[in-house]
Protein backbone atom coordinates (compact mmCIF):
# COMPACT_ATOMS: atom_id res chain seq x y z
CA MET A 1 -61.92 -55.90 -32.11
CA THR A 2 -63.29 -52.41 -31.95
CA GLY A 3 -65.45 -50.73 -29.33
CA SER A 4 -64.17 -52.73 -26.50
CA SER A 5 -65.06 -49.98 -23.98
CA GLY A 6 -68.69 -49.96 -24.89
CA MET A 7 -71.36 -52.17 -23.44
CA LEU A 8 -71.31 -54.85 -26.07
CA GLY A 9 -67.67 -54.59 -26.93
CA SER A 10 -66.67 -54.84 -23.22
CA ALA A 11 -68.89 -57.90 -22.73
CA ILE A 12 -67.35 -59.55 -25.76
CA HIS A 13 -63.81 -58.68 -24.79
CA LYS A 14 -64.40 -60.17 -21.23
CA ALA A 15 -65.78 -63.30 -22.72
CA LEU A 16 -63.12 -63.59 -25.26
CA ILE A 17 -60.34 -63.34 -22.31
CA GLN A 18 -62.30 -65.88 -20.23
CA LYS A 19 -63.12 -68.44 -22.95
CA LYS A 20 -60.22 -68.04 -25.26
CA PRO A 21 -57.24 -67.18 -23.14
CA ASP A 22 -54.63 -68.58 -25.70
CA ASP A 23 -55.98 -66.03 -28.42
CA GLU A 24 -54.04 -62.90 -29.17
CA ILE A 25 -56.46 -60.06 -28.97
CA TYR A 26 -56.01 -56.59 -30.11
CA ALA A 27 -58.56 -54.18 -28.76
CA PRO A 28 -57.40 -50.70 -29.18
CA SER A 29 -59.12 -47.59 -27.57
CA SER A 30 -60.62 -44.87 -29.93
CA SER A 31 -57.67 -42.77 -29.14
CA GLU A 32 -55.35 -45.38 -30.30
CA LEU A 33 -57.28 -46.43 -33.33
CA ASN A 34 -59.45 -43.58 -34.73
CA LEU A 35 -61.79 -45.29 -37.17
CA LEU A 36 -62.53 -42.17 -38.93
CA ASP A 37 -58.75 -41.98 -40.08
CA SER A 38 -58.61 -44.38 -43.02
CA LYS A 39 -54.84 -44.20 -43.26
CA LEU A 40 -54.36 -45.14 -39.63
CA VAL A 41 -56.92 -47.90 -39.98
CA GLU A 42 -55.08 -49.50 -42.94
CA GLU A 43 -51.67 -49.19 -41.00
CA LYS A 44 -52.99 -50.86 -37.83
CA ILE A 45 -54.64 -53.79 -39.53
CA ALA A 46 -51.53 -54.37 -41.83
CA GLN A 47 -49.48 -54.36 -38.55
CA PHE A 48 -51.71 -56.70 -36.45
CA LYS A 49 -52.79 -58.96 -39.38
CA PRO A 50 -55.92 -60.25 -37.72
CA ASP A 51 -57.59 -63.50 -38.74
CA GLN A 52 -60.90 -61.95 -37.67
CA ILE A 53 -62.39 -58.63 -36.81
CA ILE A 54 -65.34 -58.10 -34.46
CA HIS A 55 -66.49 -54.64 -35.04
CA CYS A 56 -68.49 -53.18 -32.14
CA ALA A 57 -67.57 -49.60 -32.37
CA ALA A 58 -70.26 -47.16 -33.31
CA LYS A 59 -71.52 -43.71 -32.57
CA VAL A 60 -74.72 -44.34 -30.47
CA GLY A 61 -77.21 -42.30 -28.51
CA GLY A 62 -80.66 -41.84 -27.32
CA ILE A 63 -83.76 -40.49 -29.30
CA GLN A 64 -83.24 -36.83 -28.39
CA ALA A 65 -79.56 -37.00 -29.40
CA ASN A 66 -80.41 -38.70 -32.80
CA VAL A 67 -83.09 -36.02 -33.37
CA ASP A 68 -80.65 -33.26 -32.52
CA ASP A 69 -77.74 -34.35 -34.58
CA PRO A 70 -78.80 -36.72 -37.34
CA PHE A 71 -75.89 -35.91 -39.63
CA SER A 72 -73.35 -37.01 -37.11
CA TYR A 73 -74.96 -40.25 -36.41
CA PHE A 74 -75.24 -40.84 -40.05
CA PHE A 75 -71.94 -39.69 -41.28
CA SER A 76 -69.67 -40.94 -38.45
CA ASN A 77 -70.86 -44.38 -38.53
CA VAL A 78 -70.90 -44.53 -42.40
CA LEU A 79 -67.24 -43.42 -42.29
CA MET A 80 -66.03 -45.61 -39.49
CA ASP A 81 -67.71 -48.74 -40.81
CA SER A 82 -66.65 -48.11 -44.53
CA ASN A 83 -63.01 -47.50 -43.56
CA LEU A 84 -62.79 -50.63 -41.62
CA ILE A 85 -64.68 -52.75 -44.13
CA ASN A 86 -62.67 -51.56 -47.01
CA VAL A 87 -59.28 -52.18 -45.39
CA ALA A 88 -60.41 -55.56 -44.00
CA LEU A 89 -61.42 -56.60 -47.57
CA SER A 90 -58.27 -55.28 -49.25
CA GLN A 91 -56.20 -57.10 -46.71
CA LYS A 92 -58.36 -60.37 -47.14
CA VAL A 93 -59.34 -60.65 -43.51
CA ASN A 94 -61.23 -63.90 -43.58
CA SER A 95 -63.77 -63.40 -40.86
CA PHE A 96 -65.62 -60.14 -40.01
CA LEU A 97 -68.50 -59.72 -37.64
CA TYR A 98 -70.64 -56.67 -37.46
CA PHE A 99 -73.56 -55.52 -35.35
CA GLY A 100 -76.60 -53.87 -36.75
CA SER A 101 -79.71 -52.65 -35.04
CA SER A 102 -83.58 -53.41 -35.12
CA CYS A 103 -83.98 -49.75 -35.91
CA MET A 104 -82.91 -50.73 -39.49
CA TYR A 105 -86.36 -52.17 -40.17
CA PRO A 106 -89.15 -49.99 -41.49
CA ALA A 107 -91.15 -47.97 -38.97
CA GLU A 108 -94.42 -49.51 -39.91
CA THR A 109 -94.07 -53.30 -40.64
CA SER A 110 -95.39 -56.63 -39.69
CA GLN A 111 -94.30 -58.24 -36.48
CA PRO A 112 -92.35 -60.18 -35.67
CA ILE A 113 -89.63 -58.75 -38.05
CA PHE A 114 -87.72 -61.15 -40.29
CA GLU A 115 -84.46 -60.30 -41.92
CA SER A 116 -86.12 -60.11 -45.49
CA GLN A 117 -87.96 -57.05 -44.13
CA ILE A 118 -84.98 -54.75 -44.43
CA LEU A 119 -85.58 -51.88 -47.08
CA THR A 120 -89.23 -52.74 -47.37
CA GLY A 121 -90.57 -49.59 -46.03
CA ALA A 122 -89.81 -45.98 -44.70
CA LEU A 123 -87.61 -45.85 -41.58
CA GLU A 124 -88.57 -44.31 -38.14
CA LYS A 125 -87.65 -40.49 -38.60
CA THR A 126 -86.22 -39.94 -35.18
CA ASN A 127 -83.09 -42.30 -35.86
CA GLU A 128 -83.10 -42.45 -39.56
CA GLY A 129 -79.47 -41.47 -40.06
CA TYR A 130 -78.14 -44.11 -37.62
CA ALA A 131 -80.39 -46.63 -39.35
CA LEU A 132 -79.25 -45.74 -42.80
CA ALA A 133 -75.62 -46.08 -41.74
CA LYS A 134 -76.27 -49.62 -40.25
CA ILE A 135 -78.23 -50.74 -43.37
CA LEU A 136 -75.35 -49.64 -45.61
CA ALA A 137 -72.72 -51.62 -43.64
CA THR A 138 -75.03 -54.65 -43.30
CA LYS A 139 -75.48 -54.61 -47.09
CA LEU A 140 -71.70 -54.33 -47.67
CA ILE A 141 -71.06 -57.26 -45.18
CA SER A 142 -73.63 -59.55 -46.93
CA THR A 143 -72.46 -58.52 -50.48
CA ILE A 144 -68.86 -59.22 -49.59
CA ALA A 145 -69.62 -62.60 -47.92
CA THR A 146 -71.66 -63.69 -50.94
CA GLN A 147 -69.21 -62.28 -53.76
CA PHE A 148 -65.95 -63.25 -52.20
CA LYS A 149 -67.08 -66.28 -50.11
CA LEU A 150 -65.75 -64.89 -46.95
CA ASP A 151 -66.81 -65.63 -43.38
CA TRP A 152 -68.42 -62.35 -42.97
CA HIS A 153 -71.57 -61.70 -40.90
CA ALA A 154 -73.94 -59.00 -39.81
CA PHE A 155 -75.93 -59.79 -36.66
CA ILE A 156 -79.03 -57.53 -36.29
CA LEU A 157 -79.36 -56.90 -32.45
CA SER A 158 -82.42 -55.83 -30.60
CA ASN A 159 -81.98 -53.14 -27.96
CA LEU A 160 -79.31 -54.18 -25.38
CA TYR A 161 -79.13 -53.72 -21.60
CA GLY A 162 -76.67 -54.87 -18.89
CA PRO A 163 -73.43 -53.91 -17.29
CA GLY A 164 -71.29 -51.33 -19.00
CA ASP A 165 -74.32 -49.38 -20.40
CA LYS A 166 -74.31 -45.60 -20.65
CA TYR A 167 -76.06 -43.58 -17.95
CA SER A 168 -76.68 -40.11 -19.08
CA GLU A 169 -79.71 -38.04 -20.16
CA GLU A 170 -78.43 -37.56 -23.70
CA ASN A 171 -76.81 -40.78 -24.72
CA SER A 172 -78.83 -43.42 -22.64
CA HIS A 173 -81.21 -45.95 -24.21
CA LEU A 174 -84.40 -46.77 -22.51
CA VAL A 175 -83.40 -49.23 -19.74
CA ALA A 176 -80.27 -47.28 -18.69
CA ALA A 177 -82.27 -43.96 -18.84
CA VAL A 178 -84.96 -45.19 -16.56
CA ILE A 179 -82.37 -46.49 -14.13
CA GLN A 180 -80.71 -43.31 -14.06
CA LYS A 181 -83.90 -41.18 -13.72
CA ILE A 182 -85.22 -43.33 -10.90
CA ASP A 183 -81.92 -43.09 -9.04
CA VAL A 184 -82.00 -39.28 -9.38
CA SER A 185 -85.46 -39.27 -8.01
CA ILE A 186 -84.60 -41.65 -5.13
CA LYS A 187 -81.64 -39.51 -4.14
CA SER A 188 -83.54 -36.24 -4.32
CA SER A 189 -86.51 -37.72 -2.36
CA SER A 190 -88.82 -36.93 -5.28
CA ASN A 191 -92.14 -38.79 -5.59
CA ASN A 192 -92.27 -38.83 -9.35
CA VAL A 193 -90.28 -39.66 -12.48
CA GLU A 194 -91.01 -38.48 -15.93
CA MET A 195 -91.59 -40.98 -18.80
CA TRP A 196 -91.41 -39.96 -22.50
CA GLY A 197 -94.60 -40.61 -24.42
CA ASP A 198 -97.63 -42.56 -23.26
CA GLY A 199 -95.74 -45.70 -22.30
CA LEU A 200 -97.53 -47.89 -24.85
CA ALA A 201 -94.72 -48.30 -27.30
CA LYS A 202 -93.11 -51.87 -27.05
CA ARG A 203 -89.36 -52.70 -26.92
CA GLU A 204 -87.39 -55.90 -27.12
CA PHE A 205 -84.30 -55.80 -24.90
CA THR A 206 -81.69 -58.60 -24.88
CA PHE A 207 -79.19 -59.06 -22.01
CA VAL A 208 -75.73 -58.16 -23.39
CA ASN A 209 -73.99 -61.11 -21.91
CA ASP A 210 -76.17 -63.47 -23.77
CA VAL A 211 -75.09 -61.95 -27.00
CA ALA A 212 -71.44 -61.85 -25.91
CA SER A 213 -71.55 -65.48 -24.94
CA PHE A 214 -73.11 -66.52 -28.26
CA ILE A 215 -70.62 -64.70 -30.35
CA VAL A 216 -67.61 -66.02 -28.48
CA ASP A 217 -68.88 -69.49 -28.42
CA LYS A 218 -69.42 -69.46 -32.22
CA ILE A 219 -65.90 -68.09 -33.20
CA GLY A 220 -64.78 -70.66 -35.77
CA GLU A 221 -68.27 -71.95 -36.37
CA THR A 222 -69.90 -68.94 -38.25
CA LYS A 223 -69.05 -70.10 -41.71
CA SER A 224 -72.41 -72.11 -42.04
CA MET A 225 -74.44 -69.09 -40.72
CA PRO A 226 -76.21 -66.87 -43.25
CA PRO A 227 -74.63 -63.30 -43.79
CA VAL A 228 -77.51 -61.51 -41.98
CA MET A 229 -79.18 -62.81 -38.85
CA ASN A 230 -81.47 -61.34 -36.01
CA LEU A 231 -80.39 -61.81 -32.54
CA GLY A 232 -83.13 -60.85 -29.97
CA ALA A 233 -84.58 -62.11 -26.86
CA GLY A 234 -87.95 -63.00 -28.54
CA VAL A 235 -90.29 -61.03 -26.29
CA ASP A 236 -91.07 -57.31 -25.68
CA TYR A 237 -92.71 -55.19 -23.22
CA THR A 238 -94.16 -51.67 -23.12
CA VAL A 239 -92.08 -48.76 -22.19
CA ARG A 240 -94.36 -48.42 -18.91
CA ASP A 241 -93.59 -51.97 -18.21
CA TYR A 242 -89.92 -51.28 -18.15
CA TYR A 243 -90.44 -48.21 -15.86
CA GLU A 244 -92.57 -50.34 -13.34
CA LYS A 245 -90.17 -53.40 -13.27
CA ILE A 246 -87.09 -51.11 -12.79
CA ALA A 247 -88.91 -49.08 -10.10
CA GLN A 248 -89.91 -52.24 -8.32
CA VAL A 249 -86.34 -53.55 -8.42
CA MET A 250 -84.94 -50.11 -7.20
CA GLY A 251 -87.57 -49.75 -4.50
CA PHE A 252 -89.10 -46.61 -5.96
CA ASP A 253 -92.97 -46.40 -5.28
CA GLY A 254 -93.39 -42.84 -6.68
CA GLU A 255 -95.66 -41.70 -9.67
CA ILE A 256 -94.50 -42.29 -13.32
CA ILE A 257 -95.82 -39.20 -15.24
CA SER A 258 -96.06 -39.43 -18.87
CA LEU A 259 -95.14 -36.71 -21.35
CA PRO A 260 -97.08 -37.45 -24.39
CA SER A 261 -95.49 -34.51 -26.41
CA LYS A 262 -92.01 -36.25 -26.28
CA PRO A 263 -90.72 -38.50 -29.11
CA VAL A 264 -91.03 -42.19 -28.54
CA GLY A 265 -89.55 -43.73 -31.80
CA MET A 266 -91.04 -46.80 -33.30
CA LYS A 267 -94.30 -48.20 -31.82
CA ARG A 268 -92.90 -51.70 -31.77
CA LYS A 269 -89.93 -53.62 -33.25
CA LEU A 270 -90.05 -57.34 -32.17
CA MET A 271 -87.60 -59.32 -34.19
CA ASP A 272 -87.95 -62.93 -35.34
CA SER A 273 -84.74 -64.72 -34.24
CA GLU A 274 -85.79 -68.27 -35.24
CA LEU A 275 -82.92 -68.31 -37.82
CA ALA A 276 -80.43 -67.69 -35.16
CA ALA A 277 -82.06 -70.25 -32.98
CA SER A 278 -81.37 -72.82 -35.64
CA HIS A 279 -77.62 -71.96 -35.26
CA GLY A 280 -77.59 -72.32 -31.56
CA TRP A 281 -78.86 -68.87 -30.39
CA ASN A 282 -80.63 -69.33 -26.99
CA PRO A 283 -80.64 -66.38 -24.63
CA LYS A 284 -81.18 -67.51 -21.16
CA THR A 285 -81.43 -64.26 -19.12
CA VAL A 286 -84.93 -63.31 -18.32
CA LEU A 287 -85.72 -59.55 -17.86
CA ASP A 288 -86.22 -59.60 -14.03
CA SER A 289 -82.89 -61.32 -13.30
CA GLY A 290 -81.20 -59.24 -15.92
CA LEU A 291 -82.42 -55.96 -14.51
CA LEU A 292 -81.31 -56.97 -11.03
CA GLU A 293 -77.92 -57.58 -12.28
CA THR A 294 -77.75 -54.45 -14.15
CA ILE A 295 -78.96 -52.36 -11.37
CA GLU A 296 -76.49 -53.80 -8.97
CA HIS A 297 -73.62 -53.02 -11.46
CA TYR A 298 -74.92 -49.58 -11.70
CA ARG A 299 -75.08 -48.97 -7.96
CA ALA A 300 -71.67 -50.48 -7.49
CA ASN A 301 -70.23 -48.19 -10.10
CA ARG A 302 -72.37 -45.02 -9.57
CA GLU A 303 -69.60 -42.74 -9.02
CA GLU A 304 -68.11 -43.66 -12.50
CA PHE A 305 -71.36 -43.07 -14.14
CA ASP A 306 -72.02 -39.65 -12.53
CA GLY A 307 -71.46 -37.09 -15.12
CA GLN A 308 -70.95 -39.69 -17.87
CA GLU A 309 -71.13 -38.37 -21.47
């Protein structure tokens, strides 16, 4: 598996070790296996000869990071995904699990969003490069699954949160960014925290351990699943809701100040995950308990997260 140090990858890796202790798992770090190096990828896959690849590695970042460097988020992800997919196909790896993102869907589209809505409209400009890379890989996966009759699948994820997230101003997504902002305000005895936009945009967040459990539980049973499938919590909240819920859990009663001039991304992107539900997807972690576990993990590892890039 790739990306085992990231939030999703580490959750899946931990679940694999717990639930499948007899399986041999090769989970190299990015320094051991640079996915940008096609020859190295070919050598490592040939050496290990995997029955299955779980591809979690990706270059990810928050809104501002994507706005500032769209080329890097586009090109790096296209190159990493293409290298691994090409080698896996050439070496006839039977099973390949890939993870897309709800940002792949059009910026303006009907809600909730079905898998068939990919490429039916223009993408959100603030993360267009990253979204295009994810669309390309998802289409490659589904084409290979159909043409070569392989057990290859792309799971389109909502936003994720939970232990192992990134807590930095540049790279954090919403939940982690809010936790980090409020923690800074508490430590500095500030009575306010800044919120990008007016807080009305809505986001669907799924607890990362729910995704990890589903993926690991379904290993060996994915053949009957469609090549592309949404995995989301099935409910969304406004950005302001997330600020208020996190503030409550963290004991912060200061003012939330909106910055309407800042980018906010898509207004809404709630996915329909009924197709996945018909194959056993049943996320059990409600937002309040998930936030509590996430914040407890953050506080227990605060020193590690300070200055994180």
